[in-house]
Amino acid sequence: MKKLSKYVAERVKDPEFKREYEKLGDEFNVFEALLKARAKAKMSQVQVAEKFKTSQANIARLESGRVSPNIATLQRYARAIGAELKIEFVHNRDAKAS
């Protein structure tokens, strides 16, 4: 995780990258959450794949953002790492509901 954080910290100095990164912020949050959850479970991609009943390559694609997972996939991932999927809405103090 530190390598990714360091990479992003360096790249956001580029205004174009920063603009695009911020547009995709919510998606990046999902993929970062997958990586953090797997790290907390102390599992490798291979171990998750075995529990998930898929290949390590599919787990890598899921965690890298090359695929957009649906809720059922996220639930299966959570079960594979011994976790529970929790989705919540966090209100932005600056935004008003329309």
Protein backbone atom coordinates (compact mmCIF):
# COMPACT_ATOMS: atom_id res chain seq x y z
CA MET A 1 0.00 0.00 0.00
CA LYS A 2 2.83 2.40 0.70
CA LYS A 3 4.12 2.05 -2.85
CA LEU A 4 0.73 3.00 -4.30
CA SER A 5 0.32 5.91 -1.90
CA LYS A 6 3.80 7.19 -2.74
CA TYR A 7 3.12 6.87 -6.46
CA VAL A 8 -0.17 8.75 -6.22
CA ALA A 9 1.35 11.45 -4.02
CA GLU A 10 3.99 12.03 -6.67
CA ARG A 11 1.60 11.94 -9.62
CA VAL A 12 -1.02 14.32 -8.17
CA LYS A 13 1.55 17.09 -8.58
CA ASP A 14 0.60 16.92 -12.26
CA PRO A 15 -2.62 19.02 -12.60
CA GLU A 16 -4.05 16.85 -15.39
CA PHE A 17 -3.47 13.64 -13.41
CA LYS A 18 -4.92 15.24 -10.28
CA ARG A 19 -8.06 16.33 -12.13
CA GLU A 20 -8.63 12.84 -13.57
CA TYR A 21 -7.76 11.14 -10.26
CA GLU A 22 -10.30 13.27 -8.41
CA LYS A 23 -13.00 12.41 -10.99
CA LEU A 24 -12.42 8.73 -10.24
CA GLY A 25 -12.04 9.17 -6.49
CA ASP A 26 -14.98 6.99 -5.49
CA GLU A 27 -13.83 4.16 -7.74
CA PHE A 28 -10.31 4.36 -6.35
CA ASN A 29 -11.76 4.20 -2.85
CA VAL A 30 -13.38 0.86 -3.67
CA PHE A 31 -10.16 -0.66 -5.00
CA GLU A 32 -8.12 0.74 -2.13
CA ALA A 33 -10.65 -0.77 0.30
CA LEU A 34 -10.21 -4.18 -1.35
CA LEU A 35 -6.44 -4.00 -0.96
CA LYS A 36 -6.63 -2.83 2.65
CA ALA A 37 -9.17 -5.51 3.57
CA ARG A 38 -7.02 -8.25 2.06
CA ALA A 39 -3.94 -6.91 3.86
CA LYS A 40 -5.86 -6.85 7.15
CA ALA A 41 -6.88 -10.47 6.55
CA LYS A 42 -3.18 -11.27 5.96
CA MET A 43 -4.05 -13.13 2.78
CA SER A 44 -2.34 -13.31 -0.58
CA GLN A 45 -4.19 -12.97 -3.87
CA VAL A 46 -3.70 -16.71 -4.35
CA GLN A 47 -5.35 -17.47 -0.99
CA VAL A 48 -8.27 -15.16 -1.76
CA ALA A 49 -8.65 -16.75 -5.19
CA GLU A 50 -8.84 -20.22 -3.66
CA LYS A 51 -11.62 -19.17 -1.28
CA PHE A 52 -13.33 -17.15 -4.03
CA LYS A 53 -13.06 -20.15 -6.37
CA THR A 54 -11.38 -18.16 -9.14
CA SER A 55 -7.88 -17.50 -10.41
CA GLN A 56 -5.27 -15.20 -8.90
CA ALA A 57 -5.35 -13.24 -12.17
CA ASN A 58 -9.05 -12.50 -11.65
CA ILE A 59 -8.38 -11.24 -8.13
CA ALA A 60 -5.57 -9.05 -9.48
CA ARG A 61 -7.93 -7.60 -12.11
CA LEU A 62 -10.55 -6.95 -9.45
CA GLU A 63 -8.12 -5.22 -7.09
CA SER A 64 -6.48 -3.15 -9.84
CA GLY A 65 -9.70 -1.61 -11.08
CA ARG A 66 -9.57 -3.21 -14.51
CA VAL A 67 -13.06 -4.53 -13.84
CA SER A 68 -15.96 -2.81 -12.14
CA PRO A 69 -17.37 -5.20 -9.53
CA ASN A 70 -21.04 -5.52 -8.73
CA ILE A 71 -22.33 -5.89 -5.18
CA ALA A 72 -22.53 -9.69 -5.41
CA THR A 73 -18.84 -9.84 -6.38
CA LEU A 74 -17.89 -7.55 -3.49
CA GLN A 75 -19.90 -9.79 -1.12
CA ARG A 76 -18.08 -12.90 -2.38
CA TYR A 77 -14.74 -11.12 -1.96
CA ALA A 78 -15.69 -10.15 1.60
CA ARG A 79 -16.61 -13.75 2.46
CA ALA A 80 -13.36 -15.00 0.90
CA ILE A 81 -11.31 -12.78 3.23
CA GLY A 82 -13.49 -13.51 6.25
CA ALA A 83 -15.14 -10.11 6.31
CA GLU A 84 -18.57 -8.58 5.87
CA LEU A 85 -19.38 -6.07 3.14
CA LYS A 86 -20.67 -2.77 4.50
CA ILE A 87 -21.80 0.03 2.20
CA GLU A 88 -22.61 3.40 3.67
CA PHE A 89 -23.51 6.84 2.46
CA VAL A 90 -21.49 9.64 3.97
CA HIS A 91 -22.98 13.09 3.61
CA ASN A 92 -20.69 15.81 2.40
CA ARG A 93 -21.11 18.81 4.67
CA ASP A 94 -20.72 21.17 1.71
CA ALA A 95 -23.23 19.45 -0.57
CA LYS A 96 -26.96 19.94 -0.33
CA ALA A 97 -29.50 17.34 -1.42
CA SER A 98 -31.43 18.46 -4.47
